[in-house]
Amino acid sequence: MRIVKAFFITNLKNFSAYRGAIIIWTITSIISVLIGLLIWLSAGNSVVGGYTRNEIIGYYIALFFFDHICGWFIFSAGRRDIQSG
């Protein structure tokens, strides 16, 4: 667990140079997940495609965190390109 914490803190420090872009990226990610969730929940049924409302909500919350943990961060690639010339 200490390795994960150290990795998270190191990456947080590296990305702090791109705060504005990260904030915009986070907000747009949250909005996209909320839109998908609201579309599924607006179906009106308590069960959609065999999934209950709670299962759909859990899926979208897991999707949001998985996307942020495993997603590709263009900011680090841009930083490496700038540093290497």
C-alpha atoms as a PDB file:
ATOM      1  CA  MET A   1       0.000   0.000   0.000  1.00  0.00           C
ATOM      2  CA  ARG A   2       2.932   2.340   0.673  1.00  0.00           C
ATOM      3  CA  ILE A   3       4.128   1.845  -2.900  1.00  0.00           C
ATOM      4  CA  VAL A   4       0.744   2.879  -4.277  1.00  0.00           C
ATOM      5  CA  LYS A   5       0.689   5.926  -2.009  1.00  0.00           C
ATOM      6  CA  ALA A   6       4.220   6.937  -3.032  1.00  0.00           C
ATOM      7  CA  PHE A   7       3.350   6.433  -6.718  1.00  0.00           C
ATOM      8  CA  PHE A   8       0.222   8.556  -6.340  1.00  0.00           C
ATOM      9  CA  ILE A   9       2.062  11.375  -4.557  1.00  0.00           C
ATOM     10  CA  THR A  10       4.887  11.371  -7.117  1.00  0.00           C
ATOM     11  CA  ASN A  11       2.463  11.545 -10.036  1.00  0.00           C
ATOM     12  CA  LEU A  12       0.438  14.240  -8.300  1.00  0.00           C
ATOM     13  CA  LYS A  13       3.577  16.357  -7.976  1.00  0.00           C
ATOM     14  CA  ASN A  14       4.486  15.765 -11.629  1.00  0.00           C
ATOM     15  CA  PHE A  15       1.031  16.748 -12.836  1.00  0.00           C
ATOM     16  CA  SER A  16       0.782  19.834 -10.627  1.00  0.00           C
ATOM     17  CA  ALA A  17       2.406  21.861 -13.410  1.00  0.00           C
ATOM     18  CA  TYR A  18      -0.695  21.199 -15.526  1.00  0.00           C
ATOM     19  CA  ARG A  19      -3.339  22.029 -12.920  1.00  0.00           C
ATOM     20  CA  GLY A  20      -5.683  23.850 -15.279  1.00  0.00           C
ATOM     21  CA  ALA A  21      -5.675  21.088 -17.869  1.00  0.00           C
ATOM     22  CA  ILE A  22      -6.156  18.425 -15.224  1.00  0.00           C
ATOM     23  CA  ILE A  23      -9.092  20.284 -13.699  1.00  0.00           C
ATOM     24  CA  ILE A  24     -10.754  20.643 -17.108  1.00  0.00           C
ATOM     25  CA  TRP A  25     -10.061  16.973 -17.896  1.00  0.00           C
ATOM     26  CA  THR A  26     -11.535  15.858 -14.560  1.00  0.00           C
ATOM     27  CA  ILE A  27     -14.653  17.987 -14.976  1.00  0.00           C
ATOM     28  CA  THR A  28     -15.280  16.726 -18.511  1.00  0.00           C
ATOM     29  CA  SER A  29     -14.758  13.125 -17.370  1.00  0.00           C
ATOM     30  CA  ILE A  30     -17.264  13.565 -14.553  1.00  0.00           C
ATOM     31  CA  ILE A  31     -19.774  15.163 -16.919  1.00  0.00           C
ATOM     32  CA  SER A  32     -19.432  12.348 -19.473  1.00  0.00           C
ATOM     33  CA  VAL A  33     -19.988   9.690 -16.805  1.00  0.00           C
ATOM     34  CA  LEU A  34     -22.976  11.591 -15.390  1.00  0.00           C
ATOM     35  CA  ILE A  35     -24.568  11.965 -18.819  1.00  0.00           C
ATOM     36  CA  GLY A  36     -24.255   8.246 -19.513  1.00  0.00           C
ATOM     37  CA  LEU A  37     -25.605   7.422 -16.072  1.00  0.00           C
ATOM     38  CA  LEU A  38     -28.545   9.819 -16.415  1.00  0.00           C
ATOM     39  CA  ILE A  39     -29.449   8.406 -19.832  1.00  0.00           C
ATOM     40  CA  TRP A  40     -29.622   4.875 -18.426  1.00  0.00           C
ATOM     41  CA  LEU A  41     -31.492   5.951 -15.309  1.00  0.00           C
ATOM     42  CA  SER A  42     -34.013   7.966 -17.311  1.00  0.00           C
ATOM     43  CA  ALA A  43     -35.349   4.764 -18.848  1.00  0.00           C
ATOM     44  CA  GLY A  44     -37.842   4.765 -15.978  1.00  0.00           C
ATOM     45  CA  ASN A  45     -37.749   1.052 -15.270  1.00  0.00           C
ATOM     46  CA  SER A  46     -36.269  -0.329 -12.108  1.00  0.00           C
ATOM     47  CA  VAL A  47     -34.505  -2.987 -14.227  1.00  0.00           C
ATOM     48  CA  VAL A  48     -32.799  -2.137 -17.530  1.00  0.00           C
ATOM     49  CA  GLY A  49     -31.240  -4.971 -19.514  1.00  0.00           C
ATOM     50  CA  GLY A  50     -31.268  -7.175 -16.439  1.00  0.00           C
ATOM     51  CA  TYR A  51     -29.445  -4.603 -14.279  1.00  0.00           C
ATOM     52  CA  THR A  52     -31.002  -2.810 -11.331  1.00  0.00           C
ATOM     53  CA  ARG A  53     -30.531   0.913 -10.694  1.00  0.00           C
ATOM     54  CA  ASN A  54     -27.969   0.225  -7.963  1.00  0.00           C
ATOM     55  CA  GLU A  55     -25.941  -2.022 -10.277  1.00  0.00           C
ATOM     56  CA  ILE A  56     -25.936   0.635 -13.004  1.00  0.00           C
ATOM     57  CA  ILE A  57     -24.841   3.329 -10.556  1.00  0.00           C
ATOM     58  CA  GLY A  58     -22.105   1.053  -9.214  1.00  0.00           C
ATOM     59  CA  TYR A  59     -20.926   0.299 -12.747  1.00  0.00           C
ATOM     60  CA  TYR A  60     -20.599   3.975 -13.652  1.00  0.00           C
ATOM     61  CA  ILE A  61     -18.793   4.819 -10.409  1.00  0.00           C
ATOM     62  CA  ALA A  62     -16.361   1.947 -11.011  1.00  0.00           C
ATOM     63  CA  LEU A  63     -15.974   3.072 -14.627  1.00  0.00           C
ATOM     64  CA  PHE A  64     -15.091   6.595 -13.516  1.00  0.00           C
ATOM     65  CA  PHE A  65     -12.388   5.448 -11.088  1.00  0.00           C
ATOM     66  CA  PHE A  66     -11.013   2.804 -13.455  1.00  0.00           C
ATOM     67  CA  ASP A  67     -10.778   5.379 -16.243  1.00  0.00           C
ATOM     68  CA  HIS A  68      -8.854   7.771 -14.018  1.00  0.00           C
ATOM     69  CA  ILE A  69      -6.519   5.132 -12.630  1.00  0.00           C
ATOM     70  CA  CYS A  70      -5.760   3.329 -15.896  1.00  0.00           C
ATOM     71  CA  GLY A  71      -6.351   6.111 -18.382  1.00  0.00           C
ATOM     72  CA  TRP A  72      -3.745   7.588 -20.671  1.00  0.00           C
ATOM     73  CA  PHE A  73      -2.619  10.992 -19.462  1.00  0.00           C
ATOM     74  CA  ILE A  74      -1.568  13.176 -22.369  1.00  0.00           C
ATOM     75  CA  PHE A  75      -0.032  15.665 -19.932  1.00  0.00           C
ATOM     76  CA  SER A  76       2.899  13.391 -19.064  1.00  0.00           C
ATOM     77  CA  ALA A  77       3.607  12.629 -22.727  1.00  0.00           C
ATOM     78  CA  GLY A  78       3.564  16.346 -23.506  1.00  0.00           C
ATOM     79  CA  ARG A  79       5.877  17.057 -20.608  1.00  0.00           C
ATOM     80  CA  ARG A  80       8.381  14.441 -21.819  1.00  0.00           C
ATOM     81  CA  ASP A  81       8.270  15.847 -25.356  1.00  0.00           C
ATOM     82  CA  ILE A  82       8.930  19.375 -24.089  1.00  0.00           C
ATOM     83  CA  GLN A  83      11.774  18.240 -21.840  1.00  0.00           C
ATOM     84  CA  SER A  84      13.467  16.164 -24.534  1.00  0.00           C
ATOM     85  CA  GLY A  85      13.173  18.905 -27.128  1.00  0.00           C
END
